[in-house]
Amino acid sequence: MRRAAKVDANQPEIVSALRAIGATVAVTSTAGQGFPDICCGWRGRNVLFEIKDGSKPPSARKLTPDQIEFHAAWKGEIAVITSAAEAVDYLLRG
């Protein structure tokens, strides 16, 4: 049986910041099997973001084995972020 997906504490702030700049955001953190936490549409781009809590130690921010496998197989744009500022900057720098 699959464990319930954990939602990082900073996810609501990140989603709000991305929406504030006009991005569309779909929260997918409950999808499981390594699928990233949010899907973001911005100026014709689609970006998958894996959210990690930047306030936690690096050992607690590591990708899970499923996430590593998903990232390796994904042929589109994907990034790991730890803050709202980092997410917005990622989109703005294109």
C-alpha atoms as a PDB file:
ATOM      1  CA  MET A   1       0.000   0.000   0.000  1.00  0.00           C
ATOM      2  CA  ARG A   2       1.294   3.439  -0.976  1.00  0.00           C
ATOM      3  CA  ARG A   3       1.993   5.999   1.750  1.00  0.00           C
ATOM      4  CA  ALA A   4       0.106   9.281   1.674  1.00  0.00           C
ATOM      5  CA  ALA A   5       2.060  11.942  -0.200  1.00  0.00           C
ATOM      6  CA  LYS A   6       3.737  14.554   1.976  1.00  0.00           C
ATOM      7  CA  VAL A   7       3.118  18.160   1.006  1.00  0.00           C
ATOM      8  CA  ASP A   8       6.053  20.446   1.741  1.00  0.00           C
ATOM      9  CA  ALA A   9       5.246  23.367   4.053  1.00  0.00           C
ATOM     10  CA  ASN A  10       6.410  25.898   1.453  1.00  0.00           C
ATOM     11  CA  GLN A  11       4.188  24.575  -1.357  1.00  0.00           C
ATOM     12  CA  PRO A  12       1.248  27.004  -0.805  1.00  0.00           C
ATOM     13  CA  GLU A  13       3.615  29.996  -0.838  1.00  0.00           C
ATOM     14  CA  ILE A  14       5.276  28.780  -4.047  1.00  0.00           C
ATOM     15  CA  VAL A  15       1.949  28.148  -5.778  1.00  0.00           C
ATOM     16  CA  SER A  16       0.690  31.616  -4.761  1.00  0.00           C
ATOM     17  CA  ALA A  17       3.855  33.338  -6.005  1.00  0.00           C
ATOM     18  CA  LEU A  18       3.698  31.588  -9.370  1.00  0.00           C
ATOM     19  CA  ARG A  19       0.020  32.452  -9.811  1.00  0.00           C
ATOM     20  CA  ALA A  20       0.758  36.068  -8.818  1.00  0.00           C
ATOM     21  CA  ILE A  21       3.051  36.467 -11.856  1.00  0.00           C
ATOM     22  CA  GLY A  22       0.377  35.001 -14.144  1.00  0.00           C
ATOM     23  CA  ALA A  23       1.457  31.373 -14.345  1.00  0.00           C
ATOM     24  CA  THR A  24      -1.085  28.578 -14.291  1.00  0.00           C
ATOM     25  CA  VAL A  25      -0.384  25.957 -11.666  1.00  0.00           C
ATOM     26  CA  ALA A  26      -1.770  22.457 -11.201  1.00  0.00           C
ATOM     27  CA  VAL A  27      -0.974  20.836  -7.877  1.00  0.00           C
ATOM     28  CA  THR A  28       0.047  17.228  -8.516  1.00  0.00           C
ATOM     29  CA  SER A  29       1.738  16.353  -5.234  1.00  0.00           C
ATOM     30  CA  THR A  30      -0.657  13.470  -4.631  1.00  0.00           C
ATOM     31  CA  ALA A  31       0.024  11.766  -7.988  1.00  0.00           C
ATOM     32  CA  GLY A  32       2.772   9.555  -6.560  1.00  0.00           C
ATOM     33  CA  GLN A  33       5.317   7.354  -8.377  1.00  0.00           C
ATOM     34  CA  GLY A  34       7.869  10.179  -8.386  1.00  0.00           C
ATOM     35  CA  PHE A  35       5.668  12.643 -10.270  1.00  0.00           C
ATOM     36  CA  PRO A  36       6.611  16.240  -9.355  1.00  0.00           C
ATOM     37  CA  ASP A  37       4.600  18.368  -6.939  1.00  0.00           C
ATOM     38  CA  ILE A  38       3.307  20.986  -9.379  1.00  0.00           C
ATOM     39  CA  CYS A  39       2.891  21.535 -13.107  1.00  0.00           C
ATOM     40  CA  CYS A  40       3.309  25.123 -14.218  1.00  0.00           C
ATOM     41  CA  GLY A  41       2.375  26.817 -17.480  1.00  0.00           C
ATOM     42  CA  TRP A  42       4.209  30.064 -18.301  1.00  0.00           C
ATOM     43  CA  ARG A  43       4.388  31.901 -21.629  1.00  0.00           C
ATOM     44  CA  GLY A  44       4.104  28.775 -23.736  1.00  0.00           C
ATOM     45  CA  ARG A  45       6.332  26.653 -21.492  1.00  0.00           C
ATOM     46  CA  ASN A  46       5.269  23.754 -19.323  1.00  0.00           C
ATOM     47  CA  VAL A  47       7.516  23.148 -16.340  1.00  0.00           C
ATOM     48  CA  LEU A  48       7.298  20.396 -13.744  1.00  0.00           C
ATOM     49  CA  PHE A  49       8.552  21.486 -10.334  1.00  0.00           C
ATOM     50  CA  GLU A  50       9.606  19.186  -7.519  1.00  0.00           C
ATOM     51  CA  ILE A  51       9.324  21.198  -4.305  1.00  0.00           C
ATOM     52  CA  LYS A  52      11.723  20.628  -1.453  1.00  0.00           C
ATOM     53  CA  ASP A  53      11.550  22.484   1.848  1.00  0.00           C
ATOM     54  CA  GLY A  54      14.588  24.760   1.962  1.00  0.00           C
ATOM     55  CA  SER A  55      14.377  25.051   5.745  1.00  0.00           C
ATOM     56  CA  LYS A  56      15.217  21.355   6.136  1.00  0.00           C
ATOM     57  CA  PRO A  57      18.766  19.977   6.092  1.00  0.00           C
ATOM     58  CA  PRO A  58      20.133  18.823   2.717  1.00  0.00           C
ATOM     59  CA  SER A  59      19.713  15.176   3.701  1.00  0.00           C
ATOM     60  CA  ALA A  60      15.953  15.746   4.097  1.00  0.00           C
ATOM     61  CA  ARG A  61      15.731  17.438   0.678  1.00  0.00           C
ATOM     62  CA  LYS A  62      17.093  14.548  -1.362  1.00  0.00           C
ATOM     63  CA  LEU A  63      14.998  13.134  -4.164  1.00  0.00           C
ATOM     64  CA  THR A  64      13.383   9.786  -3.448  1.00  0.00           C
ATOM     65  CA  PRO A  65      14.310   6.817  -5.650  1.00  0.00           C
ATOM     66  CA  ASP A  66      10.990   7.222  -7.525  1.00  0.00           C
ATOM     67  CA  GLN A  67      11.689  10.921  -8.078  1.00  0.00           C
ATOM     68  CA  ILE A  68      15.200  10.216  -9.357  1.00  0.00           C
ATOM     69  CA  GLU A  69      13.805   7.669 -11.812  1.00  0.00           C
ATOM     70  CA  PHE A  70      11.072  10.036 -12.986  1.00  0.00           C
ATOM     71  CA  HIS A  71      13.492  12.941 -13.490  1.00  0.00           C
ATOM     72  CA  ALA A  72      15.878  10.737 -15.465  1.00  0.00           C
ATOM     73  CA  ALA A  73      13.117   9.502 -17.766  1.00  0.00           C
ATOM     74  CA  TRP A  74      11.292  12.816 -18.280  1.00  0.00           C
ATOM     75  CA  LYS A  75      12.018  14.391 -21.660  1.00  0.00           C
ATOM     76  CA  GLY A  76      10.536  17.784 -20.827  1.00  0.00           C
ATOM     77  CA  GLU A  77      11.421  20.663 -18.551  1.00  0.00           C
ATOM     78  CA  ILE A  78      11.731  19.763 -14.882  1.00  0.00           C
ATOM     79  CA  ALA A  79      13.375  21.462 -11.906  1.00  0.00           C
ATOM     80  CA  VAL A  80      13.819  21.087  -8.165  1.00  0.00           C
ATOM     81  CA  ILE A  81      13.020  24.256  -6.205  1.00  0.00           C
ATOM     82  CA  THR A  82      13.140  25.212  -2.537  1.00  0.00           C
ATOM     83  CA  SER A  83      11.437  28.622  -2.392  1.00  0.00           C
ATOM     84  CA  ALA A  84       8.926  30.918  -4.061  1.00  0.00           C
ATOM     85  CA  ALA A  85      11.718  33.265  -5.164  1.00  0.00           C
ATOM     86  CA  GLU A  86      13.607  30.375  -6.743  1.00  0.00           C
ATOM     87  CA  ALA A  87      10.494  29.218  -8.626  1.00  0.00           C
ATOM     88  CA  VAL A  88       9.691  32.690  -9.968  1.00  0.00           C
ATOM     89  CA  ASP A  89      13.334  33.271 -10.927  1.00  0.00           C
ATOM     90  CA  TYR A  90      13.421  29.948 -12.782  1.00  0.00           C
ATOM     91  CA  LEU A  91      10.481  31.030 -14.949  1.00  0.00           C
ATOM     92  CA  LEU A  92      11.647  34.601 -15.486  1.00  0.00           C
ATOM     93  CA  ARG A  93      15.151  33.680 -16.590  1.00  0.00           C
ATOM     94  CA  GLY A  94      13.652  31.296 -19.126  1.00  0.00           C
END
